[in-house]
Amino acid sequence: AGVDVLSQEPPAADNPLLSAQNLTVTPHVAWGT
């Protein structure tokens, strides 16, 4: 999986996705205009 958004940003230290295998988290660039 790849995500550029999480349910809480910045993420809580215990967010289970932060230690998940085969996951890429990238910055959300909706502000990129």
Full PDB file with SEQRES, HELIX, SHEET, SSBOND, CRYST1, ORIGX, SCALE, CONECT and MASTER records, all heavy atoms in Angstrom:
SEQRES   1 A   33  ALA GLY VAL ASP VAL LEU SER GLN GLU PRO PRO ALA ALA          
SEQRES   2 A   33  ASP ASN PRO LEU LEU SER ALA GLN ASN LEU THR VAL THR          
SEQRES   3 A   33  PRO HIS VAL ALA TRP GLY THR                                  
HELIX    1 AA1 PRO A   16  SER A   19  5                                   4    
SHEET    1 AA1 2 GLY A   2  VAL A   3  0                                        
SHEET    2 AA1 2 THR A  24  VAL A  25  1                                        
CRYST1    1.000    1.000    1.000  90.00  90.00  90.00 P 1           1          
ORIGX1      1.000000  0.000000  0.000000        0.00000                         
ORIGX2      0.000000  1.000000  0.000000        0.00000                         
ORIGX3      0.000000  0.000000  1.000000        0.00000                         
SCALE1      1.000000  0.000000  0.000000        0.00000                         
SCALE2      0.000000  1.000000  0.000000        0.00000                         
SCALE3      0.000000  0.000000  1.000000        0.00000                         
ATOM      1  N   ALA A   1       0.845  -1.189   0.000  1.00  0.00           N  
ATOM      2  CA  ALA A   1       0.000   0.000   0.000  1.00  0.00           C  
ATOM      3  C   ALA A   1       0.880   1.239   0.000  1.00  0.00           C  
ATOM      4  O   ALA A   1       2.022   1.208   0.454  1.00  0.00           O  
ATOM      5  CB  ALA A   1      -0.931   0.006   1.219  1.00  0.00           C  
ATOM      6  N   GLY A   2       0.309   2.311  -0.508  1.00  0.00           N  
ATOM      7  CA  GLY A   2       0.948   3.619  -0.473  1.00  0.00           C  
ATOM      8  C   GLY A   2      -0.106   4.636  -0.079  1.00  0.00           C  
ATOM      9  O   GLY A   2      -1.227   4.603  -0.600  1.00  0.00           O  
ATOM     10  N   VAL A   3       0.227   5.481   0.863  1.00  0.00           N  
ATOM     11  CA  VAL A   3      -0.722   6.506   1.323  1.00  0.00           C  
ATOM     12  C   VAL A   3      -0.003   7.845   1.444  1.00  0.00           C  
ATOM     13  O   VAL A   3       1.184   7.897   1.758  1.00  0.00           O  
ATOM     14  CB  VAL A   3      -1.371   6.125   2.679  1.00  0.00           C  
ATOM     15  CG1 VAL A   3      -2.119   4.804   2.578  1.00  0.00           C  
ATOM     16  CG2 VAL A   3      -0.346   6.041   3.795  1.00  0.00           C  
ATOM     17  N   ASP A   4      -0.735   8.892   1.158  1.00  0.00           N  
ATOM     18  CA  ASP A   4      -0.171  10.216   1.433  1.00  0.00           C  
ATOM     19  C   ASP A   4      -1.035  10.959   2.451  1.00  0.00           C  
ATOM     20  O   ASP A   4      -0.888  12.159   2.636  1.00  0.00           O  
ATOM     21  CB  ASP A   4       0.049  11.027   0.156  1.00  0.00           C  
ATOM     22  CG  ASP A   4      -1.214  11.542  -0.489  1.00  0.00           C  
ATOM     23  OD1 ASP A   4      -2.310  11.115  -0.086  1.00  0.00           O  
ATOM     24  OD2 ASP A   4      -1.114  12.387  -1.393  1.00  0.00           O  
ATOM     25  N   VAL A   5      -1.913  10.217   3.100  1.00  0.00           N  
ATOM     26  CA  VAL A   5      -2.764  10.769   4.154  1.00  0.00           C  
ATOM     27  C   VAL A   5      -2.962   9.707   5.227  1.00  0.00           C  
ATOM     28  O   VAL A   5      -2.962   8.516   4.944  1.00  0.00           O  
ATOM     29  CB  VAL A   5      -4.146  11.210   3.614  1.00  0.00           C  
ATOM     30  CG1 VAL A   5      -4.031  12.442   2.759  1.00  0.00           C  
ATOM     31  CG2 VAL A   5      -4.822  10.089   2.842  1.00  0.00           C  
ATOM     32  N   LEU A   6      -3.112  10.148   6.456  1.00  0.00           N  
ATOM     33  CA  LEU A   6      -3.422   9.264   7.572  1.00  0.00           C  
ATOM     34  C   LEU A   6      -4.628   9.839   8.299  1.00  0.00           C  
ATOM     35  O   LEU A   6      -4.999  10.997   8.080  1.00  0.00           O  
ATOM     36  CB  LEU A   6      -2.218   9.145   8.510  1.00  0.00           C  
ATOM     37  CG  LEU A   6      -0.967   8.510   7.893  1.00  0.00           C  
ATOM     38  CD1 LEU A   6       0.238   8.714   8.803  1.00  0.00           C  
ATOM     39  CD2 LEU A   6      -1.198   7.036   7.617  1.00  0.00           C  
ATOM     40  N   SER A   7      -5.224   9.051   9.171  1.00  0.00           N  
ATOM     41  CA  SER A   7      -6.431   9.516   9.863  1.00  0.00           C  
ATOM     42  C   SER A   7      -6.143  10.695  10.782  1.00  0.00           C  
ATOM     43  O   SER A   7      -7.020  11.517  11.034  1.00  0.00           O  
ATOM     44  CB  SER A   7      -7.044   8.376  10.659  1.00  0.00           C  
ATOM     45  OG  SER A   7      -6.137   7.937  11.651  1.00  0.00           O  
ATOM     46  N   GLN A   8      -4.935  10.777  11.287  1.00  0.00           N  
ATOM     47  CA  GLN A   8      -4.523  11.891  12.150  1.00  0.00           C  
ATOM     48  C   GLN A   8      -3.157  12.357  11.680  1.00  0.00           C  
ATOM     49  O   GLN A   8      -2.251  11.540  11.510  1.00  0.00           O  
ATOM     50  CB  GLN A   8      -4.443  11.433  13.608  1.00  0.00           C  
ATOM     51  CG  GLN A   8      -3.945  12.496  14.557  1.00  0.00           C  
ATOM     52  CD  GLN A   8      -3.737  11.940  15.961  1.00  0.00           C  
ATOM     53  OE1 GLN A   8      -4.317  10.942  16.351  1.00  0.00           O  
ATOM     54  NE2 GLN A   8      -2.896  12.604  16.722  1.00  0.00           N  
ATOM     55  N   GLU A   9      -3.029  13.647  11.456  1.00  0.00           N  
ATOM     56  CA  GLU A   9      -1.749  14.198  11.006  1.00  0.00           C  
ATOM     57  C   GLU A   9      -1.379  15.386  11.868  1.00  0.00           C  
ATOM     58  O   GLU A   9      -2.210  16.274  12.050  1.00  0.00           O  
ATOM     59  CB  GLU A   9      -1.829  14.572   9.538  1.00  0.00           C  
ATOM     60  CG  GLU A   9      -2.015  13.330   8.670  1.00  0.00           C  
ATOM     61  CD  GLU A   9      -2.091  13.635   7.186  1.00  0.00           C  
ATOM     62  OE1 GLU A   9      -1.936  14.804   6.807  1.00  0.00           O  
ATOM     63  OE2 GLU A   9      -2.309  12.701   6.422  1.00  0.00           O  
ATOM     64  N   PRO A  10      -0.182  15.432  12.414  1.00  0.00           N  
ATOM     65  CA  PRO A  10       0.808  14.359  12.330  1.00  0.00           C  
ATOM     66  C   PRO A  10       0.294  13.113  13.037  1.00  0.00           C  
ATOM     67  O   PRO A  10      -0.522  13.197  13.955  1.00  0.00           O  
ATOM     68  CB  PRO A  10       2.036  14.939  13.020  1.00  0.00           C  
ATOM     69  CG  PRO A  10       1.552  16.047  13.873  1.00  0.00           C  
ATOM     70  CD  PRO A  10       0.293  16.547  13.243  1.00  0.00           C  
ATOM     71  N   PRO A  11       0.785  11.952  12.617  1.00  0.00           N  
ATOM     72  CA  PRO A  11       0.271  10.700  13.176  1.00  0.00           C  
ATOM     73  C   PRO A  11       0.705  10.495  14.621  1.00  0.00           C  
ATOM     74  O   PRO A  11       1.773  10.942  15.030  1.00  0.00           O  
ATOM     75  CB  PRO A  11       0.881   9.630  12.279  1.00  0.00           C  
ATOM     76  CG  PRO A  11       2.097  10.264  11.711  1.00  0.00           C  
ATOM     77  CD  PRO A  11       1.799  11.735  11.593  1.00  0.00           C  
ATOM     78  N   ALA A  12      -0.154   9.803  15.362  1.00  0.00           N  
ATOM     79  CA  ALA A  12       0.209   9.411  16.722  1.00  0.00           C  
ATOM     80  C   ALA A  12       1.325   8.373  16.633  1.00  0.00           C  
ATOM     81  O   ALA A  12       1.413   7.621  15.654  1.00  0.00           O  
ATOM     82  CB  ALA A  12      -1.006   8.817  17.434  1.00  0.00           C  
ATOM     83  N   ALA A  13       2.172   8.337  17.627  1.00  0.00           N  
ATOM     84  CA  ALA A  13       3.304   7.407  17.627  1.00  0.00           C  
ATOM     85  C   ALA A  13       2.852   5.956  17.551  1.00  0.00           C  
ATOM     86  O   ALA A  13       3.581   5.101  17.043  1.00  0.00           O  
ATOM     87  CB  ALA A  13       4.156   7.622  18.876  1.00  0.00           C  
ATOM     88  N   ASP A  14       1.637   5.669  18.018  1.00  0.00           N  
ATOM     89  CA  ASP A  14       1.152   4.286  18.007  1.00  0.00           C  
ATOM     90  C   ASP A  14       0.287   3.967  16.786  1.00  0.00           C  
ATOM     91  O   ASP A  14      -0.361   2.921  16.749  1.00  0.00           O  
ATOM     92  CB  ASP A  14       0.395   3.976  19.295  1.00  0.00           C  
ATOM     93  CG  ASP A  14      -0.857   4.820  19.464  1.00  0.00           C  
ATOM     94  OD1 ASP A  14      -1.059   5.803  18.720  1.00  0.00           O  
ATOM     95  OD2 ASP A  14      -1.654   4.488  20.371  1.00  0.00           O  
ATOM     96  N   ASN A  15       0.300   4.811  15.762  1.00  0.00           N  
ATOM     97  CA  ASN A  15      -0.470   4.519  14.549  1.00  0.00           C  
ATOM     98  C   ASN A  15       0.052   3.204  13.966  1.00  0.00           C  
ATOM     99  O   ASN A  15       1.243   3.079  13.681  1.00  0.00           O  
ATOM    100  CB  ASN A  15      -0.327   5.651  13.538  1.00  0.00           C  
ATOM    101  CG  ASN A  15      -1.174   5.442  12.306  1.00  0.00           C  
ATOM    102  OD1 ASN A  15      -1.125   4.390  11.676  1.00  0.00           O  
ATOM    103  ND2 ASN A  15      -1.955   6.447  11.957  1.00  0.00           N  
ATOM    104  N   PRO A  16      -0.809   2.216  13.777  1.00  0.00           N  
ATOM    105  CA  PRO A  16      -0.337   0.903  13.327  1.00  0.00           C  
ATOM    106  C   PRO A  16       0.275   0.913  11.928  1.00  0.00           C  
ATOM    107  O   PRO A  16       1.059   0.024  11.595  1.00  0.00           O  
ATOM    108  CB  PRO A  16      -1.599   0.036  13.364  1.00  0.00           C  
ATOM    109  CG  PRO A  16      -2.731   1.000  13.293  1.00  0.00           C  
ATOM    110  CD  PRO A  16      -2.248   2.248  13.963  1.00  0.00           C  
ATOM    111  N   LEU A  17      -0.038   1.904  11.126  1.00  0.00           N  
ATOM    112  CA  LEU A  17       0.538   1.948   9.782  1.00  0.00           C  
ATOM    113  C   LEU A  17       2.013   2.325   9.796  1.00  0.00           C  
ATOM    114  O   LEU A  17       2.749   1.970   8.883  1.00  0.00           O  
ATOM    115  CB  LEU A  17      -0.239   2.919   8.888  1.00  0.00           C  
ATOM    116  CG  LEU A  17      -1.644   2.473   8.513  1.00  0.00           C  
ATOM    117  CD1 LEU A  17      -2.297   3.501   7.594  1.00  0.00           C  
ATOM    118  CD2 LEU A  17      -1.638   1.098   7.858  1.00  0.00           C  
ATOM    119  N   LEU A  18       2.459   3.014  10.824  1.00  0.00           N  
ATOM    120  CA  LEU A  18       3.852   3.455  10.862  1.00  0.00           C  
ATOM    121  C   LEU A  18       4.835   2.294  10.955  1.00  0.00           C  
ATOM    122  O   LEU A  18       5.996   2.447  10.594  1.00  0.00           O  
ATOM    123  CB  LEU A  18       4.065   4.439  12.016  1.00  0.00           C  
ATOM    124  CG  LEU A  18       3.270   5.743  11.915  1.00  0.00           C  
ATOM    125  CD1 LEU A  18       3.585   6.634  13.107  1.00  0.00           C  
ATOM    126  CD2 LEU A  18       3.531   6.454  10.603  1.00  0.00           C  
ATOM    127  N   SER A  19       4.373   1.139  11.416  1.00  0.00           N  
ATOM    128  CA  SER A  19       5.259  -0.025  11.505  1.00  0.00           C  
ATOM    129  C   SER A  19       4.788  -1.167  10.594  1.00  0.00           C  
ATOM    130  O   SER A  19       5.310  -2.282  10.691  1.00  0.00           O  
ATOM    131  CB  SER A  19       5.347  -0.510  12.955  1.00  0.00           C  
ATOM    132  OG  SER A  19       4.058  -0.862  13.423  1.00  0.00           O  
ATOM    133  N   ALA A  20       3.836  -0.898   9.716  1.00  0.00           N  
ATOM    134  CA  ALA A  20       3.317  -1.947   8.831  1.00  0.00           C  
ATOM    135  C   ALA A  20       4.327  -2.286   7.745  1.00  0.00           C  
ATOM    136  O   ALA A  20       5.094  -1.435   7.287  1.00  0.00           O  
ATOM    137  CB  ALA A  20       1.999  -1.500   8.196  1.00  0.00           C  
ATOM    138  N   GLN A  21       4.316  -3.545   7.324  1.00  0.00           N  
ATOM    139  CA  GLN A  21       5.185  -4.010   6.246  1.00  0.00           C  
ATOM    140  C   GLN A  21       4.623  -3.572   4.895  1.00  0.00           C  
ATOM    141  O   GLN A  21       3.414  -3.409   4.740  1.00  0.00           O  
ATOM    142  CB  GLN A  21       5.282  -5.531   6.264  1.00  0.00           C  
ATOM    143  CG  GLN A  21       5.887  -6.081   7.523  1.00  0.00           C  
ATOM    144  CD  GLN A  21       5.845  -7.607   7.530  1.00  0.00           C  
ATOM    145  OE1 GLN A  21       5.741  -8.258   6.505  1.00  0.00           O  
ATOM    146  NE2 GLN A  21       5.928  -8.171   8.718  1.00  0.00           N  
ATOM    147  N   ASN A  22       5.506  -3.396   3.929  1.00  0.00           N  
ATOM    148  CA  ASN A  22       5.120  -3.121   2.542  1.00  0.00           C  
ATOM    149  C   ASN A  22       4.207  -1.909   2.404  1.00  0.00           C  
ATOM    150  O   ASN A  22       3.260  -1.916   1.621  1.00  0.00           O  
ATOM    151  CB  ASN A  22       4.473  -4.354   1.907  1.00  0.00           C  
ATOM    152  CG  ASN A  22       5.418  -5.534   1.918  1.00  0.00           C  
ATOM    153  OD1 ASN A  22       6.604  -5.381   1.685  1.00  0.00           O  
ATOM    154  ND2 ASN A  22       4.899  -6.698   2.222  1.00  0.00           N  
ATOM    155  N   LEU A  23       4.499  -0.876   3.183  1.00  0.00           N  
ATOM    156  CA  LEU A  23       3.721   0.359   3.142  1.00  0.00           C  
ATOM    157  C   LEU A  23       4.658   1.531   2.919  1.00  0.00           C  
ATOM    158  O   LEU A  23       5.702   1.628   3.564  1.00  0.00           O  
ATOM    159  CB  LEU A  23       2.952   0.581   4.441  1.00  0.00           C  
ATOM    160  CG  LEU A  23       2.204   1.915   4.518  1.00  0.00           C  
ATOM    161  CD1 LEU A  23       0.963   1.875   3.638  1.00  0.00           C  
ATOM    162  CD2 LEU A  23       1.829   2.246   5.943  1.00  0.00           C  
ATOM    163  N   THR A  24       4.272   2.408   2.020  1.00  0.00           N  
ATOM    164  CA  THR A  24       4.994   3.656   1.816  1.00  0.00           C  
ATOM    165  C   THR A  24       4.070   4.808   2.194  1.00  0.00           C  
ATOM    166  O   THR A  24       2.930   4.869   1.729  1.00  0.00           O  
ATOM    167  CB  THR A  24       5.434   3.801   0.347  1.00  0.00           C  
ATOM    168  OG1 THR A  24       6.289   2.703   0.010  1.00  0.00           O  
ATOM    169  CG2 THR A  24       6.162   5.108   0.110  1.00  0.00           C  
ATOM    170  N   VAL A  25       4.559   5.690   3.057  1.00  0.00           N  
ATOM    171  CA  VAL A  25       3.817   6.894   3.441  1.00  0.00           C  
ATOM    172  C   VAL A  25       4.569   8.067   2.855  1.00  0.00           C  
ATOM    173  O   VAL A  25       5.769   8.223   3.089  1.00  0.00           O  
ATOM    174  CB  VAL A  25       3.718   7.040   4.973  1.00  0.00           C  
ATOM    175  CG1 VAL A  25       2.951   8.305   5.342  1.00  0.00           C  
ATOM    176  CG2 VAL A  25       3.055   5.814   5.594  1.00  0.00           C  
ATOM    177  N   THR A  26       3.883   8.879   2.062  1.00  0.00           N  
ATOM    178  CA  THR A  26       4.499  10.050   1.445  1.00  0.00           C  
ATOM    179  C   THR A  26       3.755  11.300   1.883  1.00  0.00           C  
ATOM    180  O   THR A  26       2.618  11.211   2.354  1.00  0.00           O  
ATOM    181  CB  THR A  26       4.464   9.953  -0.102  1.00  0.00           C  
ATOM    182  OG1 THR A  26       3.102   9.950  -0.526  1.00  0.00           O  
ATOM    183  CG2 THR A  26       5.174   8.707  -0.592  1.00  0.00           C  
ATOM    184  N   PRO A  27       4.347  12.469   1.723  1.00  0.00           N  
ATOM    185  CA  PRO A  27       3.647  13.701   2.083  1.00  0.00           C  
ATOM    186  C   PRO A  27       2.450  13.942   1.166  1.00  0.00           C  
ATOM    187  O   PRO A  27       2.492  13.640  -0.021  1.00  0.00           O  
ATOM    188  CB  PRO A  27       4.699  14.795   1.876  1.00  0.00           C  
ATOM    189  CG  PRO A  27       5.995  14.098   1.744  1.00  0.00           C  
ATOM    190  CD  PRO A  27       5.713  12.704   1.282  1.00  0.00           C  
ATOM    191  N   HIS A  28       1.408  14.474   1.739  1.00  0.00           N  
ATOM    192  CA  HIS A  28       0.220  14.856   0.971  1.00  0.00           C  
ATOM    193  C   HIS A  28       0.531  16.184   0.290  1.00  0.00           C  
ATOM    194  O   HIS A  28       0.960  17.127   0.940  1.00  0.00           O  
ATOM    195  CB  HIS A  28      -0.967  15.001   1.929  1.00  0.00           C  
ATOM    196  CG  HIS A  28      -2.267  15.188   1.246  1.00  0.00           C  
ATOM    197  ND1 HIS A  28      -2.823  14.225   0.450  1.00  0.00           N  
ATOM    198  CD2 HIS A  28      -3.126  16.219   1.244  1.00  0.00           C  
ATOM    199  CE1 HIS A  28      -3.983  14.658  -0.013  1.00  0.00           C  
ATOM    200  NE2 HIS A  28      -4.182  15.870   0.448  1.00  0.00           N  
ATOM    201  N   VAL A  29       0.342  16.273  -1.010  1.00  0.00           N  
ATOM    202  CA  VAL A  29       0.747  17.479  -1.733  1.00  0.00           C  
ATOM    203  C   VAL A  29      -0.431  18.280  -2.262  1.00  0.00           C  
ATOM    204  O   VAL A  29      -0.312  18.992  -3.248  1.00  0.00           O  
ATOM    205  CB  VAL A  29       1.737  17.166  -2.873  1.00  0.00           C  
ATOM    206  CG1 VAL A  29       3.045  16.653  -2.331  1.00  0.00           C  
ATOM    207  CG2 VAL A  29       1.130  16.191  -3.856  1.00  0.00           C  
ATOM    208  N   ALA A  30      -1.576  18.172  -1.607  1.00  0.00           N  
ATOM    209  CA  ALA A  30      -2.729  18.962  -2.052  1.00  0.00           C  
ATOM    210  C   ALA A  30      -2.437  20.455  -1.956  1.00  0.00           C  
ATOM    211  O   ALA A  30      -3.073  21.254  -2.615  1.00  0.00           O  
ATOM    212  CB  ALA A  30      -3.955  18.610  -1.217  1.00  0.00           C  
ATOM    213  N   TRP A  31      -1.462  20.807  -1.165  1.00  0.00           N  
ATOM    214  CA  TRP A  31      -1.101  22.214  -1.011  1.00  0.00           C  
ATOM    215  C   TRP A  31      -0.153  22.665  -2.120  1.00  0.00           C  
ATOM    216  O   TRP A  31       0.330  23.778  -2.112  1.00  0.00           O  
ATOM    217  CB  TRP A  31      -0.430  22.436   0.344  1.00  0.00           C  
ATOM    218  CG  TRP A  31       0.773  21.562   0.520  1.00  0.00           C  
ATOM    219  CD1 TRP A  31       0.799  20.332   1.074  1.00  0.00           C  
ATOM    220  CD2 TRP A  31       2.108  21.824   0.089  1.00  0.00           C  
ATOM    221  NE1 TRP A  31       2.067  19.803   1.016  1.00  0.00           N  
ATOM    222  CE2 TRP A  31       2.899  20.707   0.416  1.00  0.00           C  
ATOM    223  CE3 TRP A  31       2.723  22.896  -0.547  1.00  0.00           C  
ATOM    224  CZ2 TRP A  31       4.251  20.640   0.131  1.00  0.00           C  
ATOM    225  CZ3 TRP A  31       4.078  22.809  -0.820  1.00  0.00           C  
ATOM    226  CH2 TRP A  31       4.820  21.697  -0.485  1.00  0.00           C  
ATOM    227  N   GLY A  32       0.127  21.837  -3.112  1.00  0.00           N  
ATOM    228  CA  GLY A  32       1.168  22.100  -4.087  1.00  0.00           C  
ATOM    229  C   GLY A  32       0.882  23.149  -5.146  1.00  0.00           C  
ATOM    230  O   GLY A  32       1.713  23.355  -6.020  1.00  0.00           O  
ATOM    231  N   THR A  33      -0.255  23.833  -5.091  1.00  0.00           N  
ATOM    232  CA  THR A  33      -0.514  24.878  -6.080  1.00  0.00           C  
ATOM    233  C   THR A  33       0.435  26.049  -5.866  1.00  0.00           C  
ATOM    234  O   THR A  33       0.990  26.240  -4.784  1.00  0.00           O  
ATOM    235  CB  THR A  33      -1.956  25.388  -5.981  1.00  0.00           C  
ATOM    236  OG1 THR A  33      -2.127  26.016  -4.699  1.00  0.00           O  
ATOM    237  CG2 THR A  33      -2.963  24.268  -6.159  1.00  0.00           C  
TER     238      THR A  33                                                      
MASTER        0    0    0    1    2    0    0    6  237    1    0    3          
END                                                                             
